[in-house]
Protein backbone atom coordinates (compact mmCIF):
# COMPACT_ATOMS: atom_id res chain seq x y z
CA MET A 1 10.80 29.20 -21.86
CA ALA A 2 12.29 29.92 -18.43
CA ASP A 3 8.90 29.28 -16.79
CA PHE A 4 8.55 25.94 -18.59
CA LEU A 5 12.03 24.86 -17.52
CA SER A 6 11.22 25.85 -13.94
CA ILE A 7 8.05 23.74 -14.03
CA LEU A 8 9.95 20.83 -15.57
CA GLU A 9 12.63 21.11 -12.87
CA PHE A 10 9.95 20.99 -10.16
CA SER A 11 8.27 17.92 -11.67
CA PHE A 12 11.53 15.99 -11.80
CA SER A 13 12.44 17.11 -8.28
CA VAL A 14 9.31 15.23 -7.17
CA THR A 15 9.74 12.04 -9.20
CA GLY A 16 13.52 11.96 -9.79
CA PRO A 17 14.61 10.96 -6.26
CA ILE A 18 12.06 8.12 -6.26
CA PHE A 19 13.44 6.81 -9.55
CA VAL A 20 17.03 7.02 -8.29
CA ILE A 21 16.32 5.02 -5.12
CA LEU A 22 14.29 2.42 -7.04
CA LEU A 23 17.18 1.99 -9.49
CA LEU A 24 19.59 1.77 -6.59
CA GLY A 25 17.49 -1.05 -5.19
CA VAL A 26 17.62 -2.87 -8.55
CA TRP A 27 21.42 -2.45 -8.72
CA LEU A 28 22.07 -3.48 -5.10
CA ARG A 29 19.98 -6.62 -5.66
CA ARG A 30 21.94 -7.41 -8.83
CA ILE A 31 25.33 -7.18 -7.10
CA GLY A 32 24.08 -9.21 -4.14
CA LEU A 33 24.17 -6.50 -1.47
CA ILE A 34 20.41 -6.76 -1.10
CA THR A 35 19.12 -10.33 -0.89
CA GLU A 36 15.68 -11.95 -0.84
CA PRO A 37 15.71 -12.35 2.99
CA PHE A 38 16.61 -8.64 3.29
CA ILE A 39 13.71 -7.66 1.01
CA ASP A 40 11.32 -9.85 2.97
CA ALA A 41 12.46 -8.57 6.38
CA GLY A 42 12.69 -4.95 5.21
CA SER A 43 9.22 -5.01 3.67
CA LYS A 44 7.73 -6.46 6.85
CA LEU A 45 9.53 -3.85 8.97
CA VAL A 46 8.18 -1.04 6.79
CA PHE A 47 4.61 -2.34 6.74
CA ASN A 48 4.36 -3.35 10.40
CA VAL A 49 6.47 -0.70 12.16
CA ALA A 50 8.04 2.12 10.16
CA LEU A 51 5.10 3.22 7.99
CA PRO A 52 2.56 3.06 10.85
CA ALA A 53 5.01 5.15 12.92
CA LEU A 54 5.30 7.69 10.08
CA LEU A 55 1.51 8.02 9.79
CA PHE A 56 1.03 8.14 13.57
CA ILE A 57 3.61 10.90 14.09
CA SER A 58 2.32 12.87 11.10
CA ILE A 59 -1.31 12.89 12.28
CA ALA A 60 -0.67 13.02 16.05
CA THR A 61 1.44 16.17 15.76
CA THR A 62 -0.93 17.95 13.36
CA ASP A 63 -4.05 20.01 13.97
CA PHE A 64 -7.03 17.66 13.55
CA ASP A 65 -8.82 19.91 11.07
CA ASP A 66 -5.75 19.93 8.82
CA ALA A 67 -5.42 16.13 8.86
CA ALA A 68 -9.13 15.31 8.54
CA ASN A 69 -9.93 16.98 5.22
CA ALA A 70 -13.44 15.57 4.88
CA GLY A 71 -14.05 16.92 1.39
CA LEU A 72 -10.85 15.45 -0.04
CA ILE A 73 -11.37 12.08 1.65
CA LEU A 74 -15.03 11.82 0.64
CA TYR A 75 -14.19 12.67 -2.96
CA GLY A 76 -11.36 10.11 -2.98
CA LEU A 77 -13.67 7.37 -1.72
CA LEU A 78 -16.52 8.16 -4.12
CA ALA A 79 -14.27 8.65 -7.15
CA THR A 80 -12.44 5.39 -6.44
CA ALA A 81 -15.75 3.49 -6.24
CA VAL A 82 -17.02 5.01 -9.50
CA ILE A 83 -13.75 4.29 -11.32
CA PHE A 84 -13.81 0.72 -9.99
CA ILE A 85 -17.26 0.13 -11.49
CA ALA A 86 -16.11 1.59 -14.83
CA LEU A 87 -13.03 -0.66 -14.82
CA GLU A 88 -15.17 -3.73 -14.08
CA LEU A 89 -17.41 -2.96 -17.05
CA LEU A 90 -14.42 -2.34 -19.32
CA ALA A 91 -12.61 -5.50 -18.22
CA SER A 92 -15.69 -7.64 -18.85
CA ARG A 93 -15.39 -6.74 -22.54
CA SER A 94 -11.65 -6.39 -23.12
CA VAL A 95 -9.80 -8.76 -20.77
CA HIS A 96 -9.44 -12.45 -21.62
CA PRO A 97 -9.40 -15.00 -20.11
CA ARG A 98 -12.07 -14.25 -17.53
CA GLU A 99 -9.80 -15.33 -14.67
CA ASP A 100 -7.45 -12.41 -15.41
CA ARG A 101 -10.11 -9.70 -15.22
CA GLY A 102 -9.84 -9.19 -11.47
CA VAL A 103 -6.03 -9.01 -11.70
CA VAL A 104 -6.24 -6.29 -14.35
CA VAL A 105 -8.93 -4.31 -12.51
CA GLN A 106 -7.03 -4.44 -9.22
CA GLY A 107 -3.79 -3.47 -10.98
CA ALA A 108 -5.53 -0.49 -12.57
CA PHE A 109 -7.10 1.13 -9.50
CA ARG A 110 -4.93 0.04 -6.54
CA SER A 111 -2.15 2.59 -6.07
CA ASN A 112 1.01 2.15 -4.04
CA MET A 113 0.01 5.15 -1.93
CA GLY A 114 1.78 4.13 1.25
CA ILE A 115 5.24 4.13 -0.29
CA VAL A 116 5.51 5.82 -3.70
CA GLY A 117 2.42 8.04 -3.45
CA LEU A 118 3.42 9.31 -0.02
CA ALA A 119 6.98 9.91 -1.24
CA TYR A 120 5.63 11.93 -4.18
CA CYS A 121 3.56 14.10 -1.79
CA VAL A 122 6.48 14.67 0.58
CA ASN A 123 8.81 15.63 -2.28
CA ALA A 124 6.21 18.01 -3.72
CA TYR A 125 4.92 19.68 -0.54
CA GLY A 126 7.13 18.62 2.37
CA GLU A 127 5.48 18.14 5.76
CA ALA A 128 2.24 19.71 4.49
CA GLY A 129 2.01 17.03 1.81
CA LEU A 130 2.51 14.29 4.39
CA VAL A 131 -0.24 15.72 6.59
CA ALA A 132 -2.69 16.14 3.70
CA ALA A 133 -2.07 12.61 2.41
CA SER A 134 -1.91 10.58 5.65
CA LEU A 135 -5.59 10.19 6.59
CA TYR A 136 -6.61 10.08 2.91
CA LEU A 137 -4.18 7.18 2.48
CA GLY A 138 -5.57 5.23 5.42
CA LEU A 139 -9.25 5.45 4.53
CA VAL A 140 -8.86 4.93 0.79
CA THR A 141 -6.59 1.94 1.51
CA ILE A 142 -9.49 0.29 3.36
CA LEU A 143 -11.67 0.74 0.28
CA TYR A 144 -8.89 -0.62 -1.94
CA ASN A 145 -8.81 -3.84 0.08
CA VAL A 146 -12.58 -4.30 -0.07
CA LEU A 147 -12.76 -3.66 -3.83
CA ALA A 148 -9.77 -5.93 -4.51
CA VAL A 149 -11.50 -8.84 -2.77
CA ILE A 150 -14.71 -8.17 -4.72
CA THR A 151 -13.08 -8.11 -8.16
CA LEU A 152 -10.86 -11.14 -7.54
CA ASN A 153 -13.79 -13.13 -6.14
CA ARG A 154 -15.86 -12.28 -9.22
CA SER A 155 -13.23 -13.25 -11.77
CA LEU A 156 -11.91 -16.33 -9.97
CA ALA A 157 -15.36 -17.51 -8.88
CA LYS A 158 -14.12 -17.81 -5.30
CA ARG A 159 -15.65 -16.81 -2.00
CA ARG A 160 -13.50 -15.17 0.60
CA GLY A 161 -15.33 -14.82 3.89
CA VAL A 162 -16.45 -11.37 4.98
CA GLY A 163 -15.12 -12.09 8.46
CA GLY A 164 -11.61 -12.66 7.15
CA MET A 165 -11.72 -9.44 5.13
CA VAL A 166 -12.96 -7.40 8.10
CA LYS A 167 -10.31 -8.93 10.35
CA GLY A 168 -7.64 -8.06 7.78
CA ILE A 169 -8.77 -4.43 7.74
CA PHE A 170 -8.91 -4.03 11.53
CA THR A 171 -5.54 -5.69 12.05
CA ASN A 172 -3.84 -3.67 9.31
CA PRO A 173 -0.90 -1.84 10.99
CA LEU A 174 -1.46 1.28 8.87
CA ILE A 175 -5.07 1.55 9.99
CA ILE A 176 -4.08 0.93 13.62
CA GLY A 177 -1.45 3.68 13.46
CA ILE A 178 -3.95 6.17 12.04
CA VAL A 179 -6.74 5.25 14.49
CA LEU A 180 -4.39 5.63 17.47
CA ALA A 181 -3.22 9.02 16.19
CA LEU A 182 -6.67 10.56 15.65
CA PRO A 183 -7.63 11.08 19.34
CA VAL A 184 -4.12 12.41 20.04
CA SER A 185 -4.60 15.00 17.30
CA TYR A 186 -8.24 15.79 18.13
CA PHE A 187 -7.68 16.32 21.87
CA GLU A 188 -4.29 17.98 21.27
CA ILE A 189 -2.54 15.52 23.59
CA ARG A 190 1.11 16.39 24.11
CA LEU A 191 3.24 13.31 23.56
CA PRO A 192 6.42 12.75 25.60
CA SER A 193 9.57 13.75 23.76
CA LEU A 194 10.88 10.19 24.10
CA VAL A 195 7.87 8.84 22.18
CA LEU A 196 8.09 11.56 19.54
CA GLN A 197 11.81 11.20 18.89
CA SER A 198 11.68 7.40 18.84
CA GLY A 199 8.74 7.52 16.44
CA ARG A 200 10.56 9.97 14.19
CA TYR A 201 13.58 7.67 13.97
CA PHE A 202 11.34 4.93 12.59
CA ALA A 203 9.42 7.38 10.42
CA ASP A 204 12.58 8.79 8.86
CA MET A 205 13.74 5.40 7.60
CA THR A 206 10.36 4.46 6.10
CA LEU A 207 10.50 5.81 2.56
CA PRO A 208 14.18 5.07 1.74
CA LEU A 209 13.94 1.47 3.01
CA ALA A 210 10.57 0.89 1.35
CA LEU A 211 11.77 2.21 -2.01
CA LEU A 212 14.98 0.18 -1.89
CA CYS A 213 12.99 -3.00 -1.21
CA THR A 214 10.50 -2.12 -3.94
CA GLY A 215 13.28 -1.62 -6.51
CA ALA A 216 15.08 -4.78 -5.45
CA SER A 217 11.92 -6.86 -5.82
CA LEU A 218 11.15 -5.77 -9.40
CA ASN A 219 11.52 -8.43 -12.09
CA PHE A 220 11.38 -6.91 -15.56
CA ALA A 221 12.28 -10.23 -17.23
CA SER A 222 8.76 -11.50 -16.55
CA LEU A 223 7.22 -8.74 -18.69
CA ARG A 224 7.34 -11.05 -21.72
CA ASP A 225 4.39 -13.00 -20.29
CA ALA A 226 0.76 -11.87 -20.72
CA MET A 227 1.81 -8.75 -22.61
CA SER A 228 -1.66 -7.64 -23.76
CA ASN A 229 -3.31 -7.63 -20.33
CA THR A 230 -0.17 -6.20 -18.71
CA PHE A 231 -0.09 -3.17 -21.02
CA GLN A 232 -3.85 -2.69 -20.78
CA ALA A 233 -3.69 -2.56 -16.97
CA ALA A 234 -0.64 -0.27 -17.05
CA GLY A 235 -2.32 2.13 -19.48
CA LEU A 236 -5.41 2.33 -17.29
CA LYS A 237 -3.32 2.80 -14.13
CA LEU A 238 -0.93 5.40 -15.47
CA VAL A 239 -3.22 7.43 -17.75
CA LEU A 240 -6.97 6.87 -17.39
CA VAL A 241 -7.30 6.59 -13.60
CA PRO A 242 -5.15 9.67 -12.73
CA LEU A 243 -6.85 11.63 -15.52
CA LEU A 244 -10.33 10.84 -14.20
CA MET A 245 -9.39 11.46 -10.56
CA THR A 246 -7.71 14.77 -11.38
CA ALA A 247 -10.33 16.04 -13.84
CA GLY A 248 -13.10 15.23 -11.36
CA GLY A 249 -11.14 17.00 -8.61
CA ILE A 250 -10.81 20.13 -10.76
CA MET A 251 -14.56 20.05 -11.53
CA VAL A 252 -15.52 19.94 -7.84
CA GLY A 253 -13.13 22.77 -7.00
CA PHE A 254 -9.92 21.25 -5.63
CA ARG A 255 -6.79 23.31 -6.20
CA GLY A 256 -3.24 23.51 -4.86
CA ILE A 257 -2.10 20.86 -2.43
CA GLU A 258 -5.47 19.04 -2.39
CA LEU A 259 -5.48 18.59 -6.16
CA GLY A 260 -1.80 17.68 -6.03
CA VAL A 261 -2.45 14.91 -3.48
CA LEU A 262 -5.25 13.50 -5.66
CA MET A 263 -3.07 13.42 -8.75
CA LEU A 264 0.08 12.14 -7.05
CA MET A 265 -1.68 9.39 -5.09
CA SER A 266 -3.68 8.15 -8.10
CA SER A 267 -0.67 8.21 -10.43
CA ALA A 268 1.49 6.10 -8.09
CA PRO A 269 2.23 2.62 -9.49
CA THR A 270 0.21 -0.48 -8.64
CA ALA A 271 0.56 -1.54 -5.00
CA ALA A 272 2.86 -4.48 -4.27
CA ALA A 273 0.12 -5.87 -2.00
CA SER A 274 -1.89 -6.66 -5.13
CA TYR A 275 0.58 -9.43 -6.00
CA VAL A 276 0.30 -10.93 -2.53
CA MET A 277 -3.51 -11.02 -2.71
CA VAL A 278 -3.62 -12.49 -6.22
CA ARG A 279 -1.14 -15.20 -5.28
CA ALA A 280 -3.02 -16.05 -2.08
CA MET A 281 -6.30 -16.40 -3.98
CA GLY A 282 -4.86 -18.58 -6.74
CA GLY A 283 -4.94 -15.99 -9.53
CA ASN A 284 -2.42 -15.13 -12.24
CA ALA A 285 0.45 -14.00 -10.02
CA THR A 286 2.80 -13.50 -12.98
CA LEU A 287 0.39 -11.00 -14.52
CA ALA A 288 0.11 -9.19 -11.19
CA ALA A 289 3.92 -8.96 -10.93
CA ASN A 290 4.16 -7.72 -14.52
CA ILE A 291 1.67 -4.92 -13.83
CA ILE A 292 3.59 -3.80 -10.74
CA ALA A 293 6.92 -3.77 -12.62
CA LEU A 294 5.61 -1.87 -15.66
CA THR A 295 3.62 0.71 -13.69
CA THR A 296 6.56 1.32 -11.34
CA LEU A 297 8.74 2.17 -14.32
CA GLY A 298 6.03 4.12 -16.18
CA SER A 299 4.80 6.07 -13.17
CA ILE A 300 7.92 8.23 -13.11
CA ILE A 301 7.21 9.47 -16.65
CA ALA A 302 3.43 9.73 -16.32
CA THR A 303 3.58 11.53 -12.97
CA SER A 304 6.21 13.98 -14.23
CA ALA A 305 3.95 14.79 -17.20
CA GLY A 306 0.95 15.27 -14.90
CA ILE A 307 2.87 17.58 -12.56
CA THR A 308 4.14 19.61 -15.53
CA LEU A 309 0.61 20.08 -16.92
CA LEU A 310 -1.00 21.01 -13.59
CA ARG A 311 1.87 23.26 -12.56
CA GLY A 312 1.84 24.96 -15.94
CA ALA A 313 -1.88 25.60 -15.60
CA GLY A 314 -1.39 27.04 -12.11
CA LEU A 315 -3.62 24.39 -10.52
CA MET A 316 -1.10 22.54 -8.36
């Protein structure tokens, strides 16, 4: 009994702080202390400056071999592609109308790794979790963007130019931060203390600010719309996708922090960027927002359950 309670305490120590800050964001928005302009400015600051600084500092100050875990990254890319194909096949039979299929598929596979997933890893493993997740996050995020364009194009019968997609990837601040950090890590370049300390100031504010803005932007009132497709996407995102990613990871031999990163990243809620892309492409933006809201709430419970099971089995 004592062991089970210890495992349960660990699982909630990972997810509990995330839930508290998200709720704080909801409450601060409700009382007017956080406003729409603040959310917009804060989100842009996180995406363009703070999160790239966090990833840069994490990778640049880490041994290259520790950051570039080729096996973990390759598995993440392949497993994501396979799961995407399975979701496309499933959606073609179970999601109606056709125009909503891409929204559901994107909502099911595209994790909020940069904010919630990274926060999970840091809470679970500290600096080691940040290091293990940083490069994985960057490369899998590129694949997420490519697959999201494919599924939305298919369901909406639109054509988004390849050039625009490639430009979006190469101008992504997260990718830029990681690419700049890799040679620093590989060649063991010693950064000036001024650069390091300034970067750490930005890095330290990343997760709290991002989570506050995420909580403040949630709109649970909209969940009444498109209930069937919303719950289908949420079920796939919170249960099926993490289960497949984790089970496959166990089968190929991942254990400890590597398996933990796989589970925590895949069980993070749907990325907020999915709403932006759906809206820009003329899709069902309300459905996209519903999926984000429901998975953000459900991820706390689902991730806690996953941590408890893996920890209890001695795998994480």
